[in-house]
């Protein structure tokens, strides 16, 4: 289902800063720098099940991001987090999750933790989730409610912010 709001293009975006890509790049750079300069011992075991779990996080994260982006493009609304959406998309991965792209990015960070055996990438995943929630998701939710009203409120009641 897609609810369109043609007047939404006249409404200012929820944020003017594209927080998610900036935060993702920032936490990856910091995690990598800490991995090199201040490595911490990997708390997990180096076994095949852990490796396959980490790999599955990476594959699932990537698939979730691609599926979410394709869904947004199919509904002809913006994929940019600092632009005003023209449609409320509630199909594809958005049926279950309100933020599948950000969830996919967290999964990719957890995959990064497994392939680098660096606890800093697991920390980065948690930091990213907290920061993207505070700086992007919460303002975006208020913004979508203002644009789409009851349609967004109803969608919010049957979908989850994260998992």
C-alpha atoms as a PDB file:
ATOM      1  CA  UNK A   1       0.000   0.000   0.000  1.00  0.00           C
ATOM      2  CA  UNK A   2       1.175   3.495  -0.752  1.00  0.00           C
ATOM      3  CA  UNK A   3      -0.466   6.664   0.437  1.00  0.00           C
ATOM      4  CA  UNK A   4       0.559   9.667  -1.662  1.00  0.00           C
ATOM      5  CA  UNK A   5       0.601  13.224  -0.452  1.00  0.00           C
ATOM      6  CA  UNK A   6       1.246  15.584  -3.356  1.00  0.00           C
ATOM      7  CA  UNK A   7       1.484  18.547  -0.983  1.00  0.00           C
ATOM      8  CA  UNK A   8       4.417  16.932   0.827  1.00  0.00           C
ATOM      9  CA  UNK A   9       6.905  18.396  -1.663  1.00  0.00           C
ATOM     10  CA  UNK A  10       6.120  21.833  -0.228  1.00  0.00           C
ATOM     11  CA  UNK A  11       6.871  20.627   3.319  1.00  0.00           C
ATOM     12  CA  UNK A  12      10.406  20.958   4.678  1.00  0.00           C
ATOM     13  CA  UNK A  13      12.252  17.675   5.335  1.00  0.00           C
ATOM     14  CA  UNK A  14      12.454  16.146   8.824  1.00  0.00           C
ATOM     15  CA  UNK A  15      16.187  16.923   8.951  1.00  0.00           C
ATOM     16  CA  UNK A  16      18.428  18.942   6.680  1.00  0.00           C
ATOM     17  CA  UNK A  17      21.478  16.808   7.471  1.00  0.00           C
ATOM     18  CA  UNK A  18      21.636  13.330   5.878  1.00  0.00           C
ATOM     19  CA  UNK A  19      22.438  11.694   9.222  1.00  0.00           C
ATOM     20  CA  UNK A  20      22.332   7.974   8.380  1.00  0.00           C
ATOM     21  CA  UNK A  21      25.109   7.862   5.764  1.00  0.00           C
ATOM     22  CA  UNK A  22      27.236  10.296   7.756  1.00  0.00           C
ATOM     23  CA  UNK A  23      26.775   8.294  10.955  1.00  0.00           C
ATOM     24  CA  UNK A  24      27.472   5.009   9.194  1.00  0.00           C
ATOM     25  CA  UNK A  25      30.666   6.326   7.615  1.00  0.00           C
ATOM     26  CA  UNK A  26      31.707   7.867  10.922  1.00  0.00           C
ATOM     27  CA  UNK A  27      31.216   4.764  13.042  1.00  0.00           C
ATOM     28  CA  UNK A  28      32.956   2.579  10.441  1.00  0.00           C
ATOM     29  CA  UNK A  29      35.985   4.895  10.379  1.00  0.00           C
ATOM     30  CA  UNK A  30      36.132   5.093  14.172  1.00  0.00           C
ATOM     31  CA  UNK A  31      35.676   1.332  14.592  1.00  0.00           C
ATOM     32  CA  UNK A  32      38.414   0.653  12.046  1.00  0.00           C
ATOM     33  CA  UNK A  33      40.783   3.150  13.683  1.00  0.00           C
ATOM     34  CA  UNK A  34      40.142   1.647  17.121  1.00  0.00           C
ATOM     35  CA  UNK A  35      40.622  -1.854  15.711  1.00  0.00           C
ATOM     36  CA  UNK A  36      44.066  -0.840  14.483  1.00  0.00           C
ATOM     37  CA  UNK A  37      45.160   1.455  17.341  1.00  0.00           C
ATOM     38  CA  UNK A  38      43.449  -0.078  20.369  1.00  0.00           C
ATOM     39  CA  UNK A  39      42.482  -3.664  19.554  1.00  0.00           C
ATOM     40  CA  UNK A  40      40.382  -5.517  22.081  1.00  0.00           C
ATOM     41  CA  UNK A  41      40.338  -9.308  22.340  1.00  0.00           C
ATOM     42  CA  UNK A  42      37.502 -10.900  20.409  1.00  0.00           C
ATOM     43  CA  UNK A  43      35.140 -12.419  22.993  1.00  0.00           C
ATOM     44  CA  UNK A  44      33.703 -15.047  20.660  1.00  0.00           C
ATOM     45  CA  UNK A  45      35.159 -18.255  19.471  1.00  0.00           C
ATOM     46  CA  UNK A  46      36.642 -18.593  16.038  1.00  0.00           C
ATOM     47  CA  UNK A  47      34.356 -21.379  14.897  1.00  0.00           C
ATOM     48  CA  UNK A  48      32.344 -22.145  11.812  1.00  0.00           C
ATOM     49  CA  UNK A  49      28.873 -21.483  13.330  1.00  0.00           C
ATOM     50  CA  UNK A  50      29.926 -17.991  14.451  1.00  0.00           C
ATOM     51  CA  UNK A  51      31.431 -17.313  11.037  1.00  0.00           C
ATOM     52  CA  UNK A  52      28.263 -18.419   9.220  1.00  0.00           C
ATOM     53  CA  UNK A  53      26.093 -16.369  11.583  1.00  0.00           C
ATOM     54  CA  UNK A  54      28.206 -13.299  10.873  1.00  0.00           C
ATOM     55  CA  UNK A  55      28.089 -13.981   7.156  1.00  0.00           C
ATOM     56  CA  UNK A  56      24.304 -14.377   7.305  1.00  0.00           C
ATOM     57  CA  UNK A  57      24.052 -10.983   9.070  1.00  0.00           C
ATOM     58  CA  UNK A  58      25.978  -9.433   6.193  1.00  0.00           C
ATOM     59  CA  UNK A  59      23.903 -11.087   3.482  1.00  0.00           C
ATOM     60  CA  UNK A  60      20.620 -10.324   5.240  1.00  0.00           C
ATOM     61  CA  UNK A  61      21.667  -6.720   5.855  1.00  0.00           C
ATOM     62  CA  UNK A  62      22.630  -6.184   2.233  1.00  0.00           C
ATOM     63  CA  UNK A  63      19.449  -7.830   0.929  1.00  0.00           C
ATOM     64  CA  UNK A  64      17.302  -5.783   3.302  1.00  0.00           C
ATOM     65  CA  UNK A  65      18.913  -2.523   2.167  1.00  0.00           C
ATOM     66  CA  UNK A  66      18.587  -3.355  -1.543  1.00  0.00           C
ATOM     67  CA  UNK A  67      14.973  -4.552  -1.157  1.00  0.00           C
ATOM     68  CA  UNK A  68      14.041  -1.408   0.809  1.00  0.00           C
ATOM     69  CA  UNK A  69      15.680   0.925  -1.721  1.00  0.00           C
ATOM     70  CA  UNK A  70      14.004  -0.856  -4.646  1.00  0.00           C
ATOM     71  CA  UNK A  71      10.651  -0.564  -2.842  1.00  0.00           C
ATOM     72  CA  UNK A  72      11.099   3.178  -2.334  1.00  0.00           C
ATOM     73  CA  UNK A  73      12.124   3.683  -5.961  1.00  0.00           C
ATOM     74  CA  UNK A  74       9.137   1.633  -7.167  1.00  0.00           C
ATOM     75  CA  UNK A  75       6.822   3.948  -5.230  1.00  0.00           C
ATOM     76  CA  UNK A  76       8.555   7.022  -6.645  1.00  0.00           C
ATOM     77  CA  UNK A  77       9.506   8.547  -3.349  1.00  0.00           C
ATOM     78  CA  UNK A  78      12.872   9.730  -2.141  1.00  0.00           C
ATOM     79  CA  UNK A  79      15.602   7.422  -0.917  1.00  0.00           C
ATOM     80  CA  UNK A  80      17.465  10.352   0.636  1.00  0.00           C
ATOM     81  CA  UNK A  81      17.010  10.721   4.415  1.00  0.00           C
ATOM     82  CA  UNK A  82      17.153  14.520   4.263  1.00  0.00           C
ATOM     83  CA  UNK A  83      14.412  14.932   1.652  1.00  0.00           C
ATOM     84  CA  UNK A  84      10.658  15.027   2.138  1.00  0.00           C
ATOM     85  CA  UNK A  85       8.902  11.792   1.102  1.00  0.00           C
ATOM     86  CA  UNK A  86       6.017  12.010  -1.328  1.00  0.00           C
ATOM     87  CA  UNK A  87       4.554   8.609  -0.437  1.00  0.00           C
ATOM     88  CA  UNK A  88       4.040   6.509   2.657  1.00  0.00           C
ATOM     89  CA  UNK A  89       5.429   3.136   1.649  1.00  0.00           C
ATOM     90  CA  UNK A  90       4.050   0.177   3.600  1.00  0.00           C
ATOM     91  CA  UNK A  91       4.923  -2.691   1.259  1.00  0.00           C
ATOM     92  CA  UNK A  92       8.001  -4.848   0.795  1.00  0.00           C
ATOM     93  CA  UNK A  93      10.233  -4.845   3.877  1.00  0.00           C
ATOM     94  CA  UNK A  94       8.239  -1.868   5.172  1.00  0.00           C
ATOM     95  CA  UNK A  95       5.371  -4.211   6.001  1.00  0.00           C
ATOM     96  CA  UNK A  96       7.314  -5.436   9.026  1.00  0.00           C
ATOM     97  CA  UNK A  97       9.938  -2.756   9.694  1.00  0.00           C
ATOM     98  CA  UNK A  98       9.632   1.017   9.552  1.00  0.00           C
ATOM     99  CA  UNK A  99      13.390   1.406   9.091  1.00  0.00           C
ATOM    100  CA  UNK A 100      14.693  -1.563   7.094  1.00  0.00           C
ATOM    101  CA  UNK A 101      17.625   0.364   5.635  1.00  0.00           C
ATOM    102  CA  UNK A 102      18.952   1.336   9.058  1.00  0.00           C
ATOM    103  CA  UNK A 103      18.372  -2.196  10.320  1.00  0.00           C
ATOM    104  CA  UNK A 104      20.316  -3.511   7.334  1.00  0.00           C
ATOM    105  CA  UNK A 105      23.165  -1.141   8.148  1.00  0.00           C
ATOM    106  CA  UNK A 106      23.302  -2.400  11.741  1.00  0.00           C
ATOM    107  CA  UNK A 107      23.444  -5.966  10.420  1.00  0.00           C
ATOM    108  CA  UNK A 108      26.327  -4.985   8.125  1.00  0.00           C
ATOM    109  CA  UNK A 109      28.204  -3.522  11.098  1.00  0.00           C
ATOM    110  CA  UNK A 110      27.695  -6.783  12.999  1.00  0.00           C
ATOM    111  CA  UNK A 111      29.003  -8.625   9.946  1.00  0.00           C
ATOM    112  CA  UNK A 112      32.002  -6.298  10.063  1.00  0.00           C
ATOM    113  CA  UNK A 113      32.576  -7.335  13.672  1.00  0.00           C
ATOM    114  CA  UNK A 114      32.671 -10.991  12.690  1.00  0.00           C
ATOM    115  CA  UNK A 115      34.915 -10.687   9.639  1.00  0.00           C
ATOM    116  CA  UNK A 116      37.409  -8.386  11.367  1.00  0.00           C
ATOM    117  CA  UNK A 117      37.103 -10.143  14.745  1.00  0.00           C
ATOM    118  CA  UNK A 118      36.845  -6.638  16.210  1.00  0.00           C
ATOM    119  CA  UNK A 119      34.568  -5.857  19.102  1.00  0.00           C
ATOM    120  CA  UNK A 120      34.723  -2.222  18.008  1.00  0.00           C
ATOM    121  CA  UNK A 121      32.395  -2.955  15.084  1.00  0.00           C
ATOM    122  CA  UNK A 122      29.832  -4.468  17.477  1.00  0.00           C
ATOM    123  CA  UNK A 123      30.117  -1.316  19.596  1.00  0.00           C
ATOM    124  CA  UNK A 124      29.767   0.747  16.418  1.00  0.00           C
ATOM    125  CA  UNK A 125      26.523  -1.096  15.580  1.00  0.00           C
ATOM    126  CA  UNK A 126      25.041  -0.170  18.960  1.00  0.00           C
ATOM    127  CA  UNK A 127      26.255   3.442  18.750  1.00  0.00           C
ATOM    128  CA  UNK A 128      24.909   3.769  15.211  1.00  0.00           C
ATOM    129  CA  UNK A 129      21.497   2.415  16.275  1.00  0.00           C
ATOM    130  CA  UNK A 130      21.234   4.873  19.174  1.00  0.00           C
ATOM    131  CA  UNK A 131      22.412   7.883  17.158  1.00  0.00           C
ATOM    132  CA  UNK A 132      20.325   7.169  14.061  1.00  0.00           C
ATOM    133  CA  UNK A 133      17.272   6.721  16.297  1.00  0.00           C
ATOM    134  CA  UNK A 134      17.820  10.048  18.064  1.00  0.00           C
ATOM    135  CA  UNK A 135      18.958  12.124  15.092  1.00  0.00           C
ATOM    136  CA  UNK A 136      16.930  10.649  12.210  1.00  0.00           C
ATOM    137  CA  UNK A 137      14.207   8.181  13.145  1.00  0.00           C
ATOM    138  CA  UNK A 138      12.413  10.128  15.873  1.00  0.00           C
ATOM    139  CA  UNK A 139      12.326  13.406  13.878  1.00  0.00           C
ATOM    140  CA  UNK A 140      11.335  11.420  10.776  1.00  0.00           C
ATOM    141  CA  UNK A 141       8.446   9.734  12.626  1.00  0.00           C
ATOM    142  CA  UNK A 142       7.085  13.111  13.776  1.00  0.00           C
ATOM    143  CA  UNK A 143       7.493  14.415  10.251  1.00  0.00           C
ATOM    144  CA  UNK A 144       5.692  11.472   8.622  1.00  0.00           C
ATOM    145  CA  UNK A 145       2.852  11.769  11.109  1.00  0.00           C
ATOM    146  CA  UNK A 146       2.492  15.452  10.202  1.00  0.00           C
ATOM    147  CA  UNK A 147       2.460  14.661   6.474  1.00  0.00           C
ATOM    148  CA  UNK A 148       0.385  11.458   6.393  1.00  0.00           C
ATOM    149  CA  UNK A 149      -1.649  11.761   9.626  1.00  0.00           C
ATOM    150  CA  UNK A 150      -3.789   8.743  10.527  1.00  0.00           C
ATOM    151  CA  UNK A 151      -2.361   6.634   7.698  1.00  0.00           C
ATOM    152  CA  UNK A 152       1.083   6.859   9.327  1.00  0.00           C
ATOM    153  CA  UNK A 153      -0.297   6.392  12.845  1.00  0.00           C
ATOM    154  CA  UNK A 154      -2.078   3.215  11.717  1.00  0.00           C
ATOM    155  CA  UNK A 155       1.038   1.975   9.941  1.00  0.00           C
ATOM    156  CA  UNK A 156       3.129   2.675  13.046  1.00  0.00           C
ATOM    157  CA  UNK A 157       0.761   0.580  15.160  1.00  0.00           C
ATOM    158  CA  UNK A 158       1.235  -2.512  12.960  1.00  0.00           C
ATOM    159  CA  UNK A 159       4.957  -2.260  12.184  1.00  0.00           C
ATOM    160  CA  UNK A 160       8.114  -2.120  14.268  1.00  0.00           C
ATOM    161  CA  UNK A 161      10.742   0.597  14.427  1.00  0.00           C
ATOM    162  CA  UNK A 162      13.615  -1.891  14.529  1.00  0.00           C
ATOM    163  CA  UNK A 163      12.948  -5.624  14.985  1.00  0.00           C
END
